[in-house]
C-alpha atoms as a PDB file:
ATOM      1  CA  UNK A   1       9.392 -76.305  33.152  1.00  0.00           C
ATOM      2  CA  UNK A   2       9.145 -79.213  30.760  1.00  0.00           C
ATOM      3  CA  UNK A   3       5.404 -78.669  30.323  1.00  0.00           C
ATOM      4  CA  UNK A   4       5.913 -74.975  29.547  1.00  0.00           C
ATOM      5  CA  UNK A   5       8.630 -75.827  27.001  1.00  0.00           C
ATOM      6  CA  UNK A   6       6.366 -78.336  25.264  1.00  0.00           C
ATOM      7  CA  UNK A   7       3.490 -75.900  25.304  1.00  0.00           C
ATOM      8  CA  UNK A   8       5.636 -73.135  23.813  1.00  0.00           C
ATOM      9  CA  UNK A   9       6.784 -75.498  21.056  1.00  0.00           C
ATOM     10  CA  UNK A  10       3.194 -76.453  20.203  1.00  0.00           C
ATOM     11  CA  UNK A  11       1.983 -72.863  20.136  1.00  0.00           C
ATOM     12  CA  UNK A  12       4.905 -71.692  17.994  1.00  0.00           C
ATOM     13  CA  UNK A  13       5.326 -74.664  15.690  1.00  0.00           C
ATOM     14  CA  UNK A  14       6.518 -72.632  12.725  1.00  0.00           C
ATOM     15  CA  UNK A  15       9.164 -70.838  14.774  1.00  0.00           C
ATOM     16  CA  UNK A  16      10.458 -74.133  16.186  1.00  0.00           C
ATOM     17  CA  UNK A  17      10.659 -75.710  12.714  1.00  0.00           C
ATOM     18  CA  UNK A  18      12.563 -72.703  11.383  1.00  0.00           C
ATOM     19  CA  UNK A  19      15.005 -72.922  14.308  1.00  0.00           C
ATOM     20  CA  UNK A  20      15.532 -76.654  13.672  1.00  0.00           C
ATOM     21  CA  UNK A  21      16.203 -76.088   9.955  1.00  0.00           C
ATOM     22  CA  UNK A  22      18.586 -73.225  10.763  1.00  0.00           C
ATOM     23  CA  UNK A  23      20.534 -75.384  13.219  1.00  0.00           C
ATOM     24  CA  UNK A  24      20.680 -78.230  10.677  1.00  0.00           C
ATOM     25  CA  UNK A  25      21.972 -75.903   7.965  1.00  0.00           C
ATOM     26  CA  UNK A  26      24.561 -74.466  10.359  1.00  0.00           C
ATOM     27  CA  UNK A  27      25.669 -77.973  11.289  1.00  0.00           C
ATOM     28  CA  UNK A  28      26.055 -79.026   7.653  1.00  0.00           C
ATOM     29  CA  UNK A  29      27.994 -75.825   6.890  1.00  0.00           C
ATOM     30  CA  UNK A  30      30.458 -76.354   9.764  1.00  0.00           C
ATOM     31  CA  UNK A  31      30.744 -80.095   9.126  1.00  0.00           C
ATOM     32  CA  UNK A  32      32.198 -79.417   5.681  1.00  0.00           C
ATOM     33  CA  UNK A  33      34.866 -77.149   7.172  1.00  0.00           C
ATOM     34  CA  UNK A  34      35.945 -79.093  10.254  1.00  0.00           C
ATOM     35  CA  UNK A  35      39.721 -79.849  10.207  1.00  0.00           C
ATOM     36  CA  UNK A  36      39.187 -83.549  10.869  1.00  0.00           C
ATOM     37  CA  UNK A  37      41.266 -86.227   9.182  1.00  0.00           C
ATOM     38  CA  UNK A  38      40.880 -89.978   9.163  1.00  0.00           C
ATOM     39  CA  UNK A  39      44.284 -90.234  10.849  1.00  0.00           C
ATOM     40  CA  UNK A  40      44.861 -87.330  13.268  1.00  0.00           C
ATOM     41  CA  UNK A  41      48.340 -85.859  13.371  1.00  0.00           C
ATOM     42  CA  UNK A  42      49.797 -86.823  16.749  1.00  0.00           C
ATOM     43  CA  UNK A  43      53.393 -85.857  15.934  1.00  0.00           C
ATOM     44  CA  UNK A  44      55.224 -84.268  18.851  1.00  0.00           C
ATOM     45  CA  UNK A  45      57.014 -80.924  18.688  1.00  0.00           C
ATOM     46  CA  UNK A  46      60.262 -81.774  16.934  1.00  0.00           C
ATOM     47  CA  UNK A  47      63.008 -80.128  14.908  1.00  0.00           C
ATOM     48  CA  UNK A  48      65.225 -82.113  12.558  1.00  0.00           C
ATOM     49  CA  UNK A  49      68.804 -81.250  11.631  1.00  0.00           C
ATOM     50  CA  UNK A  50      70.206 -82.736   8.424  1.00  0.00           C
ATOM     51  CA  UNK A  51      73.889 -82.618   7.529  1.00  0.00           C
ATOM     52  CA  UNK A  52      75.277 -83.974   4.267  1.00  0.00           C
ATOM     53  CA  UNK A  53      78.804 -85.329   4.700  1.00  0.00           C
ATOM     54  CA  UNK A  54      79.891 -86.726   1.355  1.00  0.00           C
ATOM     55  CA  UNK A  55      82.546 -89.431   1.664  1.00  0.00           C
ATOM     56  CA  UNK A  56      82.192 -89.835   5.442  1.00  0.00           C
ATOM     57  CA  UNK A  57      81.689 -93.334   6.831  1.00  0.00           C
ATOM     58  CA  UNK A  58      78.962 -93.892   9.453  1.00  0.00           C
ATOM     59  CA  UNK A  59      81.616 -93.915  12.204  1.00  0.00           C
ATOM     60  CA  UNK A  60      83.128 -90.658  10.982  1.00  0.00           C
ATOM     61  CA  UNK A  61      79.668 -89.091  10.714  1.00  0.00           C
ATOM     62  CA  UNK A  62      78.933 -90.069  14.306  1.00  0.00           C
ATOM     63  CA  UNK A  63      82.282 -88.835  15.646  1.00  0.00           C
ATOM     64  CA  UNK A  64      82.641 -85.590  13.682  1.00  0.00           C
ATOM     65  CA  UNK A  65      79.040 -84.483  13.097  1.00  0.00           C
ATOM     66  CA  UNK A  66      76.348 -86.134  15.206  1.00  0.00           C
ATOM     67  CA  UNK A  67      78.170 -86.235  18.534  1.00  0.00           C
ATOM     68  CA  UNK A  68      79.412 -82.596  18.451  1.00  0.00           C
ATOM     69  CA  UNK A  69      75.924 -81.395  17.529  1.00  0.00           C
ATOM     70  CA  UNK A  70      74.349 -83.434  20.324  1.00  0.00           C
ATOM     71  CA  UNK A  71      76.744 -81.885  22.833  1.00  0.00           C
ATOM     72  CA  UNK A  72      75.826 -78.405  21.626  1.00  0.00           C
ATOM     73  CA  UNK A  73      72.082 -79.129  21.815  1.00  0.00           C
ATOM     74  CA  UNK A  74      72.205 -80.353  25.403  1.00  0.00           C
ATOM     75  CA  UNK A  75      70.467 -78.124  27.905  1.00  0.00           C
ATOM     76  CA  UNK A  76      67.978 -76.462  25.573  1.00  0.00           C
ATOM     77  CA  UNK A  77      64.894 -75.018  27.318  1.00  0.00           C
ATOM     78  CA  UNK A  78      61.875 -77.364  27.251  1.00  0.00           C
ATOM     79  CA  UNK A  79      64.017 -80.098  25.671  1.00  0.00           C
ATOM     80  CA  UNK A  80      62.520 -83.565  26.185  1.00  0.00           C
ATOM     81  CA  UNK A  81      65.032 -85.752  24.359  1.00  0.00           C
ATOM     82  CA  UNK A  82      66.932 -86.067  21.079  1.00  0.00           C
ATOM     83  CA  UNK A  83      67.970 -88.953  18.890  1.00  0.00           C
ATOM     84  CA  UNK A  84      70.423 -89.171  16.026  1.00  0.00           C
ATOM     85  CA  UNK A  85      70.945 -91.264  12.930  1.00  0.00           C
ATOM     86  CA  UNK A  86      74.420 -91.566  11.384  1.00  0.00           C
ATOM     87  CA  UNK A  87      74.656 -93.109   7.952  1.00  0.00           C
ATOM     88  CA  UNK A  88      77.112 -93.012   5.095  1.00  0.00           C
ATOM     89  CA  UNK A  89      77.294 -89.370   4.054  1.00  0.00           C
ATOM     90  CA  UNK A  90      74.355 -88.240   6.204  1.00  0.00           C
ATOM     91  CA  UNK A  91      73.697 -87.176   9.783  1.00  0.00           C
ATOM     92  CA  UNK A  92      70.145 -86.623  11.016  1.00  0.00           C
ATOM     93  CA  UNK A  93      69.321 -85.425  14.516  1.00  0.00           C
ATOM     94  CA  UNK A  94      65.724 -85.195  15.773  1.00  0.00           C
ATOM     95  CA  UNK A  95      65.234 -82.822  18.708  1.00  0.00           C
ATOM     96  CA  UNK A  96      61.938 -83.372  20.568  1.00  0.00           C
ATOM     97  CA  UNK A  97      60.500 -80.663  22.824  1.00  0.00           C
ATOM     98  CA  UNK A  98      57.781 -80.761  25.461  1.00  0.00           C
ATOM     99  CA  UNK A  99      54.170 -80.715  24.315  1.00  0.00           C
ATOM    100  CA  UNK A 100      52.818 -77.202  23.962  1.00  0.00           C
ATOM    101  CA  UNK A 101      56.149 -75.658  22.962  1.00  0.00           C
ATOM    102  CA  UNK A 102      55.842 -73.198  20.114  1.00  0.00           C
ATOM    103  CA  UNK A 103      57.439 -74.782  17.050  1.00  0.00           C
ATOM    104  CA  UNK A 104      58.967 -71.558  15.778  1.00  0.00           C
ATOM    105  CA  UNK A 105      60.445 -70.876  19.219  1.00  0.00           C
ATOM    106  CA  UNK A 106      61.971 -74.359  19.197  1.00  0.00           C
ATOM    107  CA  UNK A 107      63.445 -73.841  15.717  1.00  0.00           C
ATOM    108  CA  UNK A 108      64.930 -70.528  16.838  1.00  0.00           C
ATOM    109  CA  UNK A 109      66.639 -72.196  19.807  1.00  0.00           C
ATOM    110  CA  UNK A 110      68.050 -74.967  17.620  1.00  0.00           C
ATOM    111  CA  UNK A 111      69.193 -72.453  15.006  1.00  0.00           C
ATOM    112  CA  UNK A 112      71.122 -70.462  17.616  1.00  0.00           C
ATOM    113  CA  UNK A 113      72.888 -73.600  18.832  1.00  0.00           C
ATOM    114  CA  UNK A 114      73.740 -74.598  15.256  1.00  0.00           C
ATOM    115  CA  UNK A 115      75.452 -71.251  14.724  1.00  0.00           C
ATOM    116  CA  UNK A 116      77.602 -71.932  17.785  1.00  0.00           C
ATOM    117  CA  UNK A 117      78.387 -75.501  16.712  1.00  0.00           C
ATOM    118  CA  UNK A 118      79.745 -74.691  13.249  1.00  0.00           C
ATOM    119  CA  UNK A 119      83.215 -74.155  14.682  1.00  0.00           C
ATOM    120  CA  UNK A 120      83.300 -77.771  15.909  1.00  0.00           C
ATOM    121  CA  UNK A 121      82.382 -79.254  12.544  1.00  0.00           C
ATOM    122  CA  UNK A 122      84.558 -79.727   9.442  1.00  0.00           C
ATOM    123  CA  UNK A 123      84.634 -76.573   7.350  1.00  0.00           C
ATOM    124  CA  UNK A 124      82.964 -78.166   4.317  1.00  0.00           C
ATOM    125  CA  UNK A 125      79.874 -79.315   6.245  1.00  0.00           C
ATOM    126  CA  UNK A 126      76.770 -77.160   6.738  1.00  0.00           C
ATOM    127  CA  UNK A 127      73.920 -78.498   8.933  1.00  0.00           C
ATOM    128  CA  UNK A 128      70.465 -77.254   7.962  1.00  0.00           C
ATOM    129  CA  UNK A 129      67.036 -77.410   9.575  1.00  0.00           C
ATOM    130  CA  UNK A 130      64.502 -79.684   7.926  1.00  0.00           C
ATOM    131  CA  UNK A 131      61.254 -78.077   6.685  1.00  0.00           C
ATOM    132  CA  UNK A 132      58.237 -77.808   8.977  1.00  0.00           C
ATOM    133  CA  UNK A 133      56.460 -81.049   8.108  1.00  0.00           C
ATOM    134  CA  UNK A 134      55.398 -84.279   9.764  1.00  0.00           C
ATOM    135  CA  UNK A 135      55.185 -87.883   8.690  1.00  0.00           C
ATOM    136  CA  UNK A 136      51.473 -87.458   7.968  1.00  0.00           C
ATOM    137  CA  UNK A 137      51.973 -84.577   5.531  1.00  0.00           C
ATOM    138  CA  UNK A 138      50.695 -85.049   2.004  1.00  0.00           C
ATOM    139  CA  UNK A 139      53.078 -85.365  -0.952  1.00  0.00           C
ATOM    140  CA  UNK A 140      51.822 -84.168  -4.304  1.00  0.00           C
ATOM    141  CA  UNK A 141      53.595 -85.180  -7.512  1.00  0.00           C
ATOM    142  CA  UNK A 142      53.265 -83.292 -10.779  1.00  0.00           C
ATOM    143  CA  UNK A 143      55.046 -83.008 -14.123  1.00  0.00           C
ATOM    144  CA  UNK A 144      55.879 -80.031 -16.329  1.00  0.00           C
ATOM    145  CA  UNK A 145      55.281 -80.893 -19.979  1.00  0.00           C
ATOM    146  CA  UNK A 146      55.184 -78.918 -23.197  1.00  0.00           C
ATOM    147  CA  UNK A 147      52.158 -79.069 -25.470  1.00  0.00           C
ATOM    148  CA  UNK A 148      52.591 -80.923 -28.769  1.00  0.00           C
ATOM    149  CA  UNK A 149      54.388 -78.813 -31.377  1.00  0.00           C
ATOM    150  CA  UNK A 150      54.970 -76.022 -28.840  1.00  0.00           C
ATOM    151  CA  UNK A 151      57.829 -73.676 -29.761  1.00  0.00           C
ATOM    152  CA  UNK A 152      59.861 -71.150 -27.835  1.00  0.00           C
ATOM    153  CA  UNK A 153      60.156 -67.481 -28.771  1.00  0.00           C
ATOM    154  CA  UNK A 154      63.161 -68.240 -30.995  1.00  0.00           C
ATOM    155  CA  UNK A 155      61.410 -71.150 -32.699  1.00  0.00           C
ATOM    156  CA  UNK A 156      63.240 -73.947 -30.899  1.00  0.00           C
ATOM    157  CA  UNK A 157      61.232 -76.825 -29.378  1.00  0.00           C
ATOM    158  CA  UNK A 158      61.192 -77.253 -25.620  1.00  0.00           C
ATOM    159  CA  UNK A 159      63.898 -79.565 -24.291  1.00  0.00           C
ATOM    160  CA  UNK A 160      64.157 -81.214 -20.841  1.00  0.00           C
ATOM    161  CA  UNK A 161      66.659 -78.471 -19.923  1.00  0.00           C
ATOM    162  CA  UNK A 162      64.126 -75.766 -20.825  1.00  0.00           C
ATOM    163  CA  UNK A 163      61.352 -77.472 -18.854  1.00  0.00           C
ATOM    164  CA  UNK A 164      63.579 -77.827 -15.788  1.00  0.00           C
ATOM    165  CA  UNK A 165      64.567 -74.156 -16.048  1.00  0.00           C
ATOM    166  CA  UNK A 166      60.889 -73.178 -16.388  1.00  0.00           C
ATOM    167  CA  UNK A 167      60.040 -75.198 -13.295  1.00  0.00           C
ATOM    168  CA  UNK A 168      62.869 -73.817 -11.145  1.00  0.00           C
ATOM    169  CA  UNK A 169      62.331 -70.155 -12.026  1.00  0.00           C
ATOM    170  CA  UNK A 170      58.574 -69.889 -12.707  1.00  0.00           C
ATOM    171  CA  UNK A 171      56.553 -72.780 -11.274  1.00  0.00           C
ATOM    172  CA  UNK A 172      58.485 -73.393  -8.065  1.00  0.00           C
ATOM    173  CA  UNK A 173      58.509 -69.766  -6.773  1.00  0.00           C
ATOM    174  CA  UNK A 174      54.741 -69.534  -7.266  1.00  0.00           C
ATOM    175  CA  UNK A 175      54.054 -72.843  -5.528  1.00  0.00           C
ATOM    176  CA  UNK A 176      56.126 -71.749  -2.529  1.00  0.00           C
ATOM    177  CA  UNK A 177      53.613 -68.919  -1.986  1.00  0.00           C
ATOM    178  CA  UNK A 178      50.634 -71.292  -1.662  1.00  0.00           C
ATOM    179  CA  UNK A 179      49.502 -71.635   2.005  1.00  0.00           C
ATOM    180  CA  UNK A 180      50.374 -75.057   3.404  1.00  0.00           C
ATOM    181  CA  UNK A 181      53.193 -75.817   0.951  1.00  0.00           C
ATOM    182  CA  UNK A 182      56.362 -76.508   2.939  1.00  0.00           C
ATOM    183  CA  UNK A 183      58.886 -77.430   0.269  1.00  0.00           C
ATOM    184  CA  UNK A 184      59.080 -78.012  -3.476  1.00  0.00           C
ATOM    185  CA  UNK A 185      61.690 -80.463  -4.757  1.00  0.00           C
ATOM    186  CA  UNK A 186      62.557 -81.060  -8.399  1.00  0.00           C
ATOM    187  CA  UNK A 187      63.088 -84.617  -9.631  1.00  0.00           C
ATOM    188  CA  UNK A 188      64.179 -85.377 -13.170  1.00  0.00           C
ATOM    189  CA  UNK A 189      64.825 -83.103 -16.087  1.00  0.00           C
ATOM    190  CA  UNK A 190      68.252 -81.683 -16.816  1.00  0.00           C
ATOM    191  CA  UNK A 191      69.539 -78.808 -14.732  1.00  0.00           C
ATOM    192  CA  UNK A 192      71.386 -76.254 -16.827  1.00  0.00           C
ATOM    193  CA  UNK A 193      75.077 -76.297 -15.926  1.00  0.00           C
ATOM    194  CA  UNK A 194      78.384 -75.239 -17.436  1.00  0.00           C
ATOM    195  CA  UNK A 195      81.248 -77.677 -16.894  1.00  0.00           C
ATOM    196  CA  UNK A 196      84.882 -76.735 -17.398  1.00  0.00           C
ATOM    197  CA  UNK A 197      86.844 -79.907 -18.225  1.00  0.00           C
ATOM    198  CA  UNK A 198      90.564 -79.116 -18.585  1.00  0.00           C
ATOM    199  CA  UNK A 199      92.820 -81.295 -20.709  1.00  0.00           C
ATOM    200  CA  UNK A 200      95.483 -82.808 -18.386  1.00  0.00           C
ATOM    201  CA  UNK A 201      97.977 -82.938 -21.245  1.00  0.00           C
ATOM    202  CA  UNK A 202      97.562 -79.237 -21.987  1.00  0.00           C
ATOM    203  CA  UNK A 203      97.895 -78.402 -18.289  1.00  0.00           C
ATOM    204  CA  UNK A 204     101.241 -80.206 -18.150  1.00  0.00           C
ATOM    205  CA  UNK A 205     102.344 -78.617 -21.415  1.00  0.00           C
ATOM    206  CA  UNK A 206     101.736 -75.080 -20.142  1.00  0.00           C
ATOM    207  CA  UNK A 207     102.671 -75.887 -16.530  1.00  0.00           C
ATOM    208  CA  UNK A 208      99.237 -74.931 -15.161  1.00  0.00           C
ATOM    209  CA  UNK A 209      97.261 -76.342 -12.244  1.00  0.00           C
ATOM    210  CA  UNK A 210      93.567 -76.824 -11.553  1.00  0.00           C
ATOM    211  CA  UNK A 211      93.735 -74.182  -8.838  1.00  0.00           C
ATOM    212  CA  UNK A 212      94.882 -71.619 -11.391  1.00  0.00           C
ATOM    213  CA  UNK A 213      91.970 -72.569 -13.656  1.00  0.00           C
ATOM    214  CA  UNK A 214      89.529 -72.177 -10.763  1.00  0.00           C
ATOM    215  CA  UNK A 215      91.058 -68.831  -9.716  1.00  0.00           C
ATOM    216  CA  UNK A 216      90.767 -67.496 -13.271  1.00  0.00           C
ATOM    217  CA  UNK A 217      87.107 -68.487 -13.440  1.00  0.00           C
ATOM    218  CA  UNK A 218      86.328 -66.818 -10.118  1.00  0.00           C
ATOM    219  CA  UNK A 219      88.172 -63.596 -10.966  1.00  0.00           C
ATOM    220  CA  UNK A 220      86.431 -63.298 -14.338  1.00  0.00           C
ATOM    221  CA  UNK A 221      82.911 -63.971 -13.099  1.00  0.00           C
ATOM    222  CA  UNK A 222      81.990 -60.913 -11.043  1.00  0.00           C
ATOM    223  CA  UNK A 223      80.751 -57.364 -11.506  1.00  0.00           C
ATOM    224  CA  UNK A 224      82.701 -54.405 -10.162  1.00  0.00           C
ATOM    225  CA  UNK A 225      81.229 -51.068  -9.135  1.00  0.00           C
ATOM    226  CA  UNK A 226      83.089 -47.787  -9.683  1.00  0.00           C
ATOM    227  CA  UNK A 227      80.787 -45.267  -8.007  1.00  0.00           C
ATOM    228  CA  UNK A 228      79.005 -42.627 -10.067  1.00  0.00           C
ATOM    229  CA  UNK A 229      79.588 -39.454 -12.096  1.00  0.00           C
ATOM    230  CA  UNK A 230      77.572 -36.284 -11.512  1.00  0.00           C
ATOM    231  CA  UNK A 231      76.664 -34.325 -14.610  1.00  0.00           C
ATOM    232  CA  UNK A 232      73.958 -31.732 -15.188  1.00  0.00           C
ATOM    233  CA  UNK A 233      72.345 -32.530 -11.860  1.00  0.00           C
ATOM    234  CA  UNK A 234      72.128 -36.240 -12.611  1.00  0.00           C
ATOM    235  CA  UNK A 235      74.092 -39.243 -11.411  1.00  0.00           C
ATOM    236  CA  UNK A 236      75.449 -41.814 -13.845  1.00  0.00           C
ATOM    237  CA  UNK A 237      76.385 -45.131 -12.315  1.00  0.00           C
ATOM    238  CA  UNK A 238      79.717 -46.562 -13.385  1.00  0.00           C
ATOM    239  CA  UNK A 239      80.301 -50.288 -13.225  1.00  0.00           C
ATOM    240  CA  UNK A 240      82.206 -53.033 -14.960  1.00  0.00           C
ATOM    241  CA  UNK A 241      79.951 -56.016 -15.773  1.00  0.00           C
ATOM    242  CA  UNK A 242      81.971 -59.203 -15.732  1.00  0.00           C
ATOM    243  CA  UNK A 243      79.569 -62.066 -15.038  1.00  0.00           C
ATOM    244  CA  UNK A 244      79.722 -64.936 -17.480  1.00  0.00           C
ATOM    245  CA  UNK A 245      76.587 -65.512 -19.542  1.00  0.00           C
ATOM    246  CA  UNK A 246      77.510 -68.180 -22.085  1.00  0.00           C
ATOM    247  CA  UNK A 247      79.940 -70.956 -22.877  1.00  0.00           C
ATOM    248  CA  UNK A 248      81.732 -68.737 -25.418  1.00  0.00           C
ATOM    249  CA  UNK A 249      82.566 -66.213 -22.694  1.00  0.00           C
ATOM    250  CA  UNK A 250      84.003 -69.025 -20.581  1.00  0.00           C
ATOM    251  CA  UNK A 251      86.231 -70.111 -23.456  1.00  0.00           C
ATOM    252  CA  UNK A 252      87.635 -66.576 -23.802  1.00  0.00           C
ATOM    253  CA  UNK A 253      88.897 -66.384 -20.199  1.00  0.00           C
ATOM    254  CA  UNK A 254      92.658 -65.867 -20.022  1.00  0.00           C
ATOM    255  CA  UNK A 255      94.223 -68.125 -17.419  1.00  0.00           C
ATOM    256  CA  UNK A 256      97.753 -66.745 -17.590  1.00  0.00           C
ATOM    257  CA  UNK A 257      99.754 -64.373 -19.798  1.00  0.00           C
ATOM    258  CA  UNK A 258     103.446 -65.040 -20.450  1.00  0.00           C
ATOM    259  CA  UNK A 259     106.126 -63.224 -22.399  1.00  0.00           C
END
């Protein structure tokens, strides 16, 4: 058989050379697309639960957050083990499943148990699942900057508040659609916020409380629907827009009316 193979190769030298070049080209093509990294990802199937508990000491975090969640997670299908970390203001639980377990199935199981465990936790705490990422994931840093002498539509220059708003509402939603991007976090800039800072002296003078201020803000920051009106075969929606859009509208809110 070996003699016949050698004889065939000698008689059809051109065909053999073409086959060798084709195999070499195919190998180079696939080599450039192989998902091989210098450090292979050997992370096990795990789901992390993070809970922010502002003002809680590590002992309180362990007693009121980590331990109740661990009790609720016990007995999960294909559960291998779990470990927890209780620090000041933070609880982190890592749930490890058996190799071969579908990650999305594991996250669904953990999510169902979290919904059941919310009744055992303090009302102000909300545990959340960490994004699907491992310790070997890549972190990419970028900045959003305005070109020199760039102006907005109204002629104002771009401020750090404008750049942060542009990132949160334009850049970030588009990056979240890129395949492989797990999470986009903003660092720096100035997030646009409206702060209501009551004067304690004026509150005492008018016998008002902070709860009344908060209630007035909530009641005057919502839209109300009133159905629709039919006329000439058309429907006209009726609503009362009441959402606040500027600091001036906040200043005009009436907290209380007295005779």
